[in-house]
N, C-alpha and C. Protein backbone atom coordinates (compact mmCIF):
# COMPACT_ATOMS: atom_id res chain seq x y z
N UNK A 1 129.13 -7.62 5.99
CA UNK A 1 129.22 -8.02 4.65
C UNK A 1 128.00 -7.50 3.91
N UNK A 2 128.25 -6.91 2.71
CA UNK A 2 127.16 -6.32 2.00
C UNK A 2 127.26 -6.97 0.57
N UNK A 3 126.19 -7.68 0.14
CA UNK A 3 126.18 -8.29 -1.15
C UNK A 3 127.47 -9.19 -1.36
N UNK A 4 127.83 -9.88 -0.31
CA UNK A 4 128.96 -10.83 -0.38
C UNK A 4 130.28 -10.21 -0.37
N UNK A 5 130.43 -8.87 -0.05
CA UNK A 5 131.59 -8.23 0.00
C UNK A 5 131.86 -7.78 1.47
N UNK A 6 132.95 -8.04 2.03
CA UNK A 6 133.32 -7.62 3.41
C UNK A 6 133.31 -6.08 3.48
N UNK A 7 132.73 -5.56 4.55
CA UNK A 7 132.65 -4.15 4.78
C UNK A 7 133.88 -3.86 5.72
N UNK A 8 134.57 -2.73 5.48
CA UNK A 8 135.67 -2.31 6.31
C UNK A 8 135.08 -1.20 7.24
N UNK A 9 134.84 -1.58 8.46
CA UNK A 9 134.20 -0.61 9.47
C UNK A 9 135.27 0.08 10.28
N UNK A 10 134.97 1.33 10.55
CA UNK A 10 135.87 2.07 11.44
C UNK A 10 135.65 1.55 12.87
N UNK A 11 136.53 1.84 13.79
CA UNK A 11 136.33 1.32 15.21
C UNK A 11 135.02 1.84 15.78
N UNK A 12 134.61 3.04 15.50
CA UNK A 12 133.27 3.57 16.01
C UNK A 12 132.22 2.79 15.41
N UNK A 13 132.21 2.55 14.10
CA UNK A 13 131.17 1.82 13.44
C UNK A 13 131.01 0.44 13.96
N UNK A 14 132.23 -0.17 14.25
CA UNK A 14 132.19 -1.53 14.86
C UNK A 14 131.61 -1.53 16.23
N UNK A 15 131.90 -0.50 17.04
CA UNK A 15 131.35 -0.44 18.34
C UNK A 15 129.82 -0.31 18.29
N UNK A 16 129.37 0.56 17.40
CA UNK A 16 127.93 0.77 17.23
C UNK A 16 127.21 -0.51 16.81
N UNK A 17 127.78 -1.16 15.81
CA UNK A 17 127.20 -2.42 15.30
C UNK A 17 127.19 -3.54 16.42
N UNK A 18 128.27 -3.62 17.05
CA UNK A 18 128.34 -4.65 18.14
C UNK A 18 127.32 -4.33 19.23
N UNK A 19 127.13 -3.09 19.64
CA UNK A 19 126.13 -2.74 20.63
C UNK A 19 124.72 -3.06 20.17
N UNK A 20 124.42 -2.70 18.89
CA UNK A 20 123.12 -2.95 18.43
C UNK A 20 122.88 -4.51 18.37
N UNK A 21 123.85 -5.26 17.91
CA UNK A 21 123.66 -6.66 17.81
C UNK A 21 123.61 -7.38 19.18
N UNK A 22 124.19 -6.84 20.19
CA UNK A 22 124.18 -7.35 21.54
C UNK A 22 122.74 -7.22 22.14
N UNK A 23 122.09 -6.12 21.77
CA UNK A 23 120.70 -5.84 22.27
C UNK A 23 119.73 -5.57 21.08
N UNK A 24 119.42 -6.64 20.43
CA UNK A 24 118.48 -6.44 19.24
C UNK A 24 117.14 -6.05 19.76
N UNK A 25 116.58 -4.99 19.01
CA UNK A 25 115.30 -4.48 19.37
C UNK A 25 115.32 -3.39 20.39
N UNK A 26 116.40 -3.26 21.20
CA UNK A 26 116.49 -2.14 22.14
C UNK A 26 116.67 -0.82 21.43
N UNK A 27 115.92 0.15 21.76
CA UNK A 27 116.07 1.50 21.21
C UNK A 27 117.12 2.29 22.08
N UNK A 28 118.12 2.79 21.33
CA UNK A 28 119.19 3.51 21.98
C UNK A 28 119.01 4.98 21.61
N UNK A 29 119.05 5.88 22.59
CA UNK A 29 119.02 7.37 22.27
C UNK A 29 120.38 7.77 21.76
N UNK A 30 120.45 8.94 21.19
CA UNK A 30 121.73 9.37 20.73
C UNK A 30 122.65 9.54 21.91
N UNK A 31 122.13 10.05 23.06
CA UNK A 31 123.04 10.22 24.25
C UNK A 31 123.57 8.86 24.73
N UNK A 32 122.73 7.88 24.67
CA UNK A 32 123.27 6.53 25.07
C UNK A 32 124.32 6.02 24.08
N UNK A 33 124.11 6.23 22.86
CA UNK A 33 125.15 5.79 21.87
C UNK A 33 126.44 6.59 22.04
N UNK A 34 126.28 7.83 22.24
CA UNK A 34 127.54 8.66 22.55
C UNK A 34 128.24 8.06 23.70
N UNK A 35 127.55 7.79 24.84
CA UNK A 35 128.18 7.28 26.05
C UNK A 35 128.81 5.90 25.80
N UNK A 36 127.97 4.95 25.19
CA UNK A 36 128.41 3.60 25.11
C UNK A 36 129.33 3.30 23.96
N UNK A 37 129.25 3.98 22.87
CA UNK A 37 130.07 3.68 21.73
C UNK A 37 131.16 4.63 21.41
N UNK A 38 130.91 5.91 21.71
CA UNK A 38 131.89 6.95 21.45
C UNK A 38 132.75 7.24 22.64
N UNK A 39 132.33 6.96 23.75
CA UNK A 39 133.18 7.13 24.98
C UNK A 39 133.25 8.47 25.67
N UNK A 40 133.86 8.44 26.79
CA UNK A 40 133.95 9.72 27.62
C UNK A 40 134.77 10.85 26.94
N UNK A 41 135.68 10.46 26.08
CA UNK A 41 136.54 11.41 25.44
C UNK A 41 135.82 12.19 24.36
N UNK A 42 134.71 11.66 23.96
CA UNK A 42 134.03 12.34 22.81
C UNK A 42 133.61 13.69 23.17
N UNK A 43 134.01 14.65 22.38
CA UNK A 43 133.89 16.09 22.67
C UNK A 43 133.04 16.69 21.58
N UNK A 44 132.26 15.96 20.87
CA UNK A 44 131.47 16.53 19.80
C UNK A 44 130.11 16.80 20.25
N UNK A 45 129.15 16.62 19.35
CA UNK A 45 127.73 16.85 19.60
C UNK A 45 126.95 15.59 19.27
N UNK A 46 125.77 15.37 19.88
CA UNK A 46 125.03 14.08 19.72
C UNK A 46 124.70 13.84 18.25
N UNK A 47 124.53 14.86 17.36
CA UNK A 47 124.21 14.62 16.05
C UNK A 47 125.37 13.95 15.30
N UNK A 48 126.58 13.86 15.81
CA UNK A 48 127.67 13.21 15.13
C UNK A 48 127.30 11.74 15.10
N UNK A 49 126.46 11.22 15.98
CA UNK A 49 126.03 9.84 15.94
C UNK A 49 125.31 9.57 14.60
N UNK A 50 124.45 10.51 14.23
CA UNK A 50 123.74 10.39 12.91
C UNK A 50 124.67 10.16 11.74
N UNK A 51 125.80 10.78 11.76
CA UNK A 51 126.74 10.60 10.64
C UNK A 51 127.36 9.19 10.69
N UNK A 52 127.69 8.80 11.90
CA UNK A 52 128.23 7.37 12.07
C UNK A 52 127.15 6.33 11.63
N UNK A 53 125.98 6.56 11.98
CA UNK A 53 124.87 5.68 11.51
C UNK A 53 124.70 5.58 10.11
N UNK A 54 124.75 6.81 9.47
CA UNK A 54 124.65 6.96 7.96
C UNK A 54 125.79 6.21 7.36
N UNK A 55 127.04 6.29 7.79
CA UNK A 55 128.11 5.59 7.20
C UNK A 55 128.04 4.13 7.40
N UNK A 56 127.64 3.68 8.63
CA UNK A 56 127.43 2.27 8.91
C UNK A 56 126.40 1.73 7.97
N UNK A 57 125.31 2.40 7.83
CA UNK A 57 124.21 1.85 6.89
C UNK A 57 124.76 1.74 5.51
N UNK A 58 125.54 2.78 4.98
CA UNK A 58 126.02 2.64 3.61
C UNK A 58 126.93 1.42 3.49
N UNK A 59 127.53 1.04 4.52
CA UNK A 59 128.49 -0.16 4.42
C UNK A 59 127.82 -1.48 4.62
N UNK A 60 126.73 -1.54 5.39
CA UNK A 60 126.12 -2.86 5.65
C UNK A 60 124.73 -3.09 5.05
N UNK A 61 124.10 -2.05 4.66
CA UNK A 61 122.71 -2.15 4.08
C UNK A 61 122.75 -2.30 2.57
N UNK A 62 121.93 -3.18 1.98
CA UNK A 62 121.79 -3.17 0.50
C UNK A 62 121.23 -1.88 -0.04
N UNK A 63 120.26 -1.29 0.72
CA UNK A 63 119.74 -0.01 0.38
C UNK A 63 119.71 0.93 1.59
N UNK A 64 120.69 1.77 1.77
CA UNK A 64 120.83 2.51 2.97
C UNK A 64 119.63 3.47 3.22
N UNK A 65 118.87 3.79 2.16
CA UNK A 65 117.65 4.61 2.30
C UNK A 65 116.39 3.84 2.88
N UNK A 66 116.54 2.49 2.80
CA UNK A 66 115.51 1.64 3.31
C UNK A 66 116.14 0.51 4.13
N UNK A 67 116.70 0.87 5.23
CA UNK A 67 117.51 -0.01 6.07
C UNK A 67 116.68 -1.18 6.67
N UNK A 68 117.28 -2.35 6.85
CA UNK A 68 116.60 -3.44 7.49
C UNK A 68 117.34 -3.82 8.79
N UNK A 69 118.63 -3.36 8.92
CA UNK A 69 119.45 -3.70 10.10
C UNK A 69 119.40 -2.56 11.17
N UNK A 70 119.89 -1.39 10.76
CA UNK A 70 119.97 -0.31 11.73
C UNK A 70 118.80 0.65 11.42
N UNK A 71 117.81 0.59 12.29
CA UNK A 71 116.56 1.30 12.05
C UNK A 71 116.45 2.55 12.91
N UNK A 72 115.81 3.54 12.32
CA UNK A 72 115.52 4.75 13.04
C UNK A 72 114.22 4.59 13.72
N UNK A 73 114.11 4.90 14.98
CA UNK A 73 112.87 4.95 15.78
C UNK A 73 112.56 6.48 15.93
N UNK A 74 111.76 7.08 15.14
CA UNK A 74 111.57 8.51 15.05
C UNK A 74 111.16 9.05 16.48
N UNK A 75 111.90 10.10 16.81
CA UNK A 75 111.73 10.80 18.09
C UNK A 75 112.40 10.14 19.27
N UNK A 76 112.98 8.96 19.07
CA UNK A 76 113.70 8.25 20.16
C UNK A 76 115.13 7.97 19.90
N UNK A 77 115.45 7.33 18.75
CA UNK A 77 116.86 7.01 18.47
C UNK A 77 116.94 5.88 17.38
N UNK A 78 117.79 4.89 17.72
CA UNK A 78 118.11 3.81 16.76
C UNK A 78 117.96 2.47 17.38
N UNK A 79 117.68 1.43 16.59
CA UNK A 79 117.68 0.04 17.04
C UNK A 79 118.16 -0.91 15.93
N UNK A 80 118.56 -2.12 16.39
CA UNK A 80 118.93 -3.15 15.49
C UNK A 80 117.72 -3.95 15.16
N UNK A 81 117.43 -4.06 13.87
CA UNK A 81 116.20 -4.81 13.38
C UNK A 81 116.45 -6.07 12.61
N UNK A 82 117.83 -6.47 12.54
CA UNK A 82 118.16 -7.60 11.76
C UNK A 82 118.11 -8.85 12.52
């Protein structure tokens, strides 16, 4: 929910958000996110995770350029900060 409006998440975005919320504060590398959220069938590249994170932020953050929920840990990956 963003500003009182329900967000329509894709299955991948939902998997990512669920994973982050299950382990708040844990830093996930791109490779871990590919394995845990995108699955074995994923045949893309690890930077595809960045696009999913960007889309997720646009849907759940009030200001996706200054996120408070899905945070970047520079040089490592992403974590849930909410």
